[in-house]
C-alpha atoms as a PDB file:
ATOM      1  CA  MET A   1    -105.951 -58.548  62.799  1.00  0.00           C
ATOM      2  CA  LEU A   2    -104.232 -58.161  59.814  1.00  0.00           C
ATOM      3  CA  PHE A   3    -103.023 -60.313  57.112  1.00  0.00           C
ATOM      4  CA  SER A   4    -100.455 -60.636  54.045  1.00  0.00           C
ATOM      5  CA  MET A   5    -101.462 -61.692  50.934  1.00  0.00           C
ATOM      6  CA  THR A   6     -98.814 -62.410  47.875  1.00  0.00           C
ATOM      7  CA  ILE A   7    -100.376 -60.714  44.650  1.00  0.00           C
ATOM      8  CA  THR A   8     -97.979 -61.190  41.575  1.00  0.00           C
ATOM      9  CA  PHE A   9     -98.038 -59.770  38.440  1.00  0.00           C
ATOM     10  CA  GLU A  10     -96.988 -61.314  34.875  1.00  0.00           C
ATOM     11  CA  TRP A  11     -96.714 -59.415  31.743  1.00  0.00           C
ATOM     12  CA  ARG A  12     -98.658 -61.686  29.386  1.00  0.00           C
ATOM     13  CA  GLY A  13     -99.480 -64.450  31.622  1.00  0.00           C
ATOM     14  CA  MET A  14    -101.159 -67.353  31.268  1.00  0.00           C
ATOM     15  CA  VAL A  15    -105.090 -67.203  31.550  1.00  0.00           C
ATOM     16  CA  ARG A  16    -108.034 -69.047  31.138  1.00  0.00           C
ATOM     17  CA  ASN A  17    -111.289 -67.782  29.188  1.00  0.00           C
ATOM     18  CA  ASP A  18    -113.446 -69.775  32.110  1.00  0.00           C
ATOM     19  CA  GLU A  19    -111.131 -67.625  34.401  1.00  0.00           C
ATOM     20  CA  ILE A  20    -111.645 -64.036  32.966  1.00  0.00           C
ATOM     21  CA  ASN A  21    -115.646 -64.199  32.344  1.00  0.00           C
ATOM     22  CA  GLN A  22    -116.026 -64.702  35.834  1.00  0.00           C
ATOM     23  CA  LEU A  23    -113.478 -62.282  36.557  1.00  0.00           C
ATOM     24  CA  HIS A  24    -115.119 -59.752  34.311  1.00  0.00           C
ATOM     25  CA  ALA A  25    -118.687 -60.923  35.166  1.00  0.00           C
ATOM     26  CA  GLU A  26    -118.104 -59.877  38.972  1.00  0.00           C
ATOM     27  CA  GLY A  27    -116.017 -56.893  38.229  1.00  0.00           C
ATOM     28  CA  PHE A  28    -119.329 -55.044  35.815  1.00  0.00           C
ATOM     29  CA  ASP A  29    -121.478 -56.866  38.326  1.00  0.00           C
ATOM     30  CA  HIS A  30    -123.250 -58.788  34.832  1.00  0.00           C
ATOM     31  CA  ALA A  31    -124.674 -62.521  34.531  1.00  0.00           C
ATOM     32  CA  LEU A  32    -121.594 -64.973  33.151  1.00  0.00           C
ATOM     33  CA  VAL A  33    -120.763 -64.885  29.520  1.00  0.00           C
ATOM     34  CA  GLU A  34    -118.533 -67.127  28.187  1.00  0.00           C
ATOM     35  CA  VAL A  35    -116.359 -65.508  26.245  1.00  0.00           C
ATOM     36  CA  ASP A  36    -113.549 -66.825  23.905  1.00  0.00           C
ATOM     37  CA  TRP A  37    -111.096 -64.459  25.749  1.00  0.00           C
ATOM     38  CA  THR A  38    -107.393 -66.225  24.130  1.00  0.00           C
ATOM     39  CA  ASP A  39    -108.756 -65.701  20.722  1.00  0.00           C
ATOM     40  CA  VAL A  40    -109.592 -62.052  21.202  1.00  0.00           C
ATOM     41  CA  LEU A  41    -106.181 -61.148  22.810  1.00  0.00           C
ATOM     42  CA  SER A  42    -104.476 -63.410  19.773  1.00  0.00           C
ATOM     43  CA  ARG A  43    -106.470 -61.137  17.774  1.00  0.00           C
ATOM     44  CA  LEU A  44    -106.107 -57.875  19.741  1.00  0.00           C
ATOM     45  CA  SER A  45    -104.041 -57.246  22.437  1.00  0.00           C
ATOM     46  CA  LEU A  46    -101.068 -55.805  22.715  1.00  0.00           C
ATOM     47  CA  GLY A  47    -100.346 -57.162  25.568  1.00  0.00           C
ATOM     48  CA  TRP A  48    -101.742 -57.898  29.027  1.00  0.00           C
ATOM     49  CA  VAL A  49    -101.162 -58.548  32.470  1.00  0.00           C
ATOM     50  CA  THR A  50    -102.479 -61.153  35.253  1.00  0.00           C
ATOM     51  CA  ALA A  51    -102.352 -60.086  38.925  1.00  0.00           C
ATOM     52  CA  ARG A  52    -103.193 -63.767  40.272  1.00  0.00           C
ATOM     53  CA  ASP A  53    -103.373 -64.508  44.352  1.00  0.00           C
ATOM     54  CA  ASP A  54    -103.427 -67.933  46.579  1.00  0.00           C
ATOM     55  CA  LEU A  55    -106.419 -69.193  44.477  1.00  0.00           C
ATOM     56  CA  GLY A  56    -105.337 -68.177  41.533  1.00  0.00           C
ATOM     57  CA  LEU A  57    -107.042 -64.724  39.230  1.00  0.00           C
ATOM     58  CA  VAL A  58    -107.342 -61.622  40.869  1.00  0.00           C
ATOM     59  CA  GLY A  59    -106.674 -59.467  38.327  1.00  0.00           C
ATOM     60  CA  PHE A  60    -106.257 -58.697  34.682  1.00  0.00           C
ATOM     61  CA  VAL A  61    -105.932 -55.241  32.261  1.00  0.00           C
ATOM     62  CA  ASN A  62    -105.456 -55.509  28.430  1.00  0.00           C
ATOM     63  CA  VAL A  63    -103.588 -53.061  26.588  1.00  0.00           C
ATOM     64  CA  LEU A  64    -105.122 -52.582  22.972  1.00  0.00           C
ATOM     65  CA  LEU A  65    -104.507 -51.049  19.915  1.00  0.00           C
ATOM     66  CA  ARG A  66    -106.713 -48.645  18.668  1.00  0.00           C
ATOM     67  CA  CYS A  67    -106.713 -47.276  15.273  1.00  0.00           C
ATOM     68  CA  MET A  68    -107.604 -44.095  15.498  1.00  0.00           C
ATOM     69  CA  ARG A  69    -107.454 -42.524  11.478  1.00  0.00           C
ATOM     70  CA  PHE A  70    -108.469 -40.535   8.396  1.00  0.00           C
ATOM     71  CA  PRO A  71    -110.759 -43.243   6.137  1.00  0.00           C
ATOM     72  CA  SER A  72    -107.961 -42.906   3.879  1.00  0.00           C
ATOM     73  CA  HIS A  73    -104.876 -44.557   6.244  1.00  0.00           C
ATOM     74  CA  GLN A  74    -107.402 -46.803   8.271  1.00  0.00           C
ATOM     75  CA  CYS A  75    -105.798 -50.061   9.237  1.00  0.00           C
ATOM     76  CA  ARG A  76    -105.369 -52.617   6.712  1.00  0.00           C
ATOM     77  CA  SER A  77    -104.317 -55.193   8.747  1.00  0.00           C
ATOM     78  CA  ASN A  78    -103.998 -56.794  12.249  1.00  0.00           C
ATOM     79  CA  PRO A  79    -103.379 -53.821  14.500  1.00  0.00           C
ATOM     80  CA  THR A  80    -100.367 -55.606  15.903  1.00  0.00           C
ATOM     81  CA  ALA A  81     -98.304 -55.441  13.438  1.00  0.00           C
ATOM     82  CA  LEU A  82     -98.173 -51.664  13.972  1.00  0.00           C
ATOM     83  CA  ALA A  83     -96.959 -51.650  16.970  1.00  0.00           C
ATOM     84  CA  SER A  84     -94.276 -53.690  16.100  1.00  0.00           C
ATOM     85  CA  GLY A  85     -93.577 -51.945  13.132  1.00  0.00           C
ATOM     86  CA  GLY A  86     -94.804 -53.942  10.946  1.00  0.00           C
ATOM     87  CA  GLU A  87     -96.910 -53.018   8.037  1.00  0.00           C
ATOM     88  CA  PRO A  88    -100.729 -50.980   8.397  1.00  0.00           C
END
């Protein structure tokens, strides 16, 4: 018998550290580690997409900006400023 499940995707959807920690541990097959993902996201992420079903978080994609420049032109501030047209 087939069943129907609705998955909802949301740009910058609300997410809790415990949800991402559990998803990361299961997805990458390692022991549960407590990471402050909300801090990481606020400092380094351009955005993220959450995927949820009726039971909770089932997927997460993080969009990062990694600066790759010559040493004389390295990022000197928050990388999200670059994406928004701010100063490097």
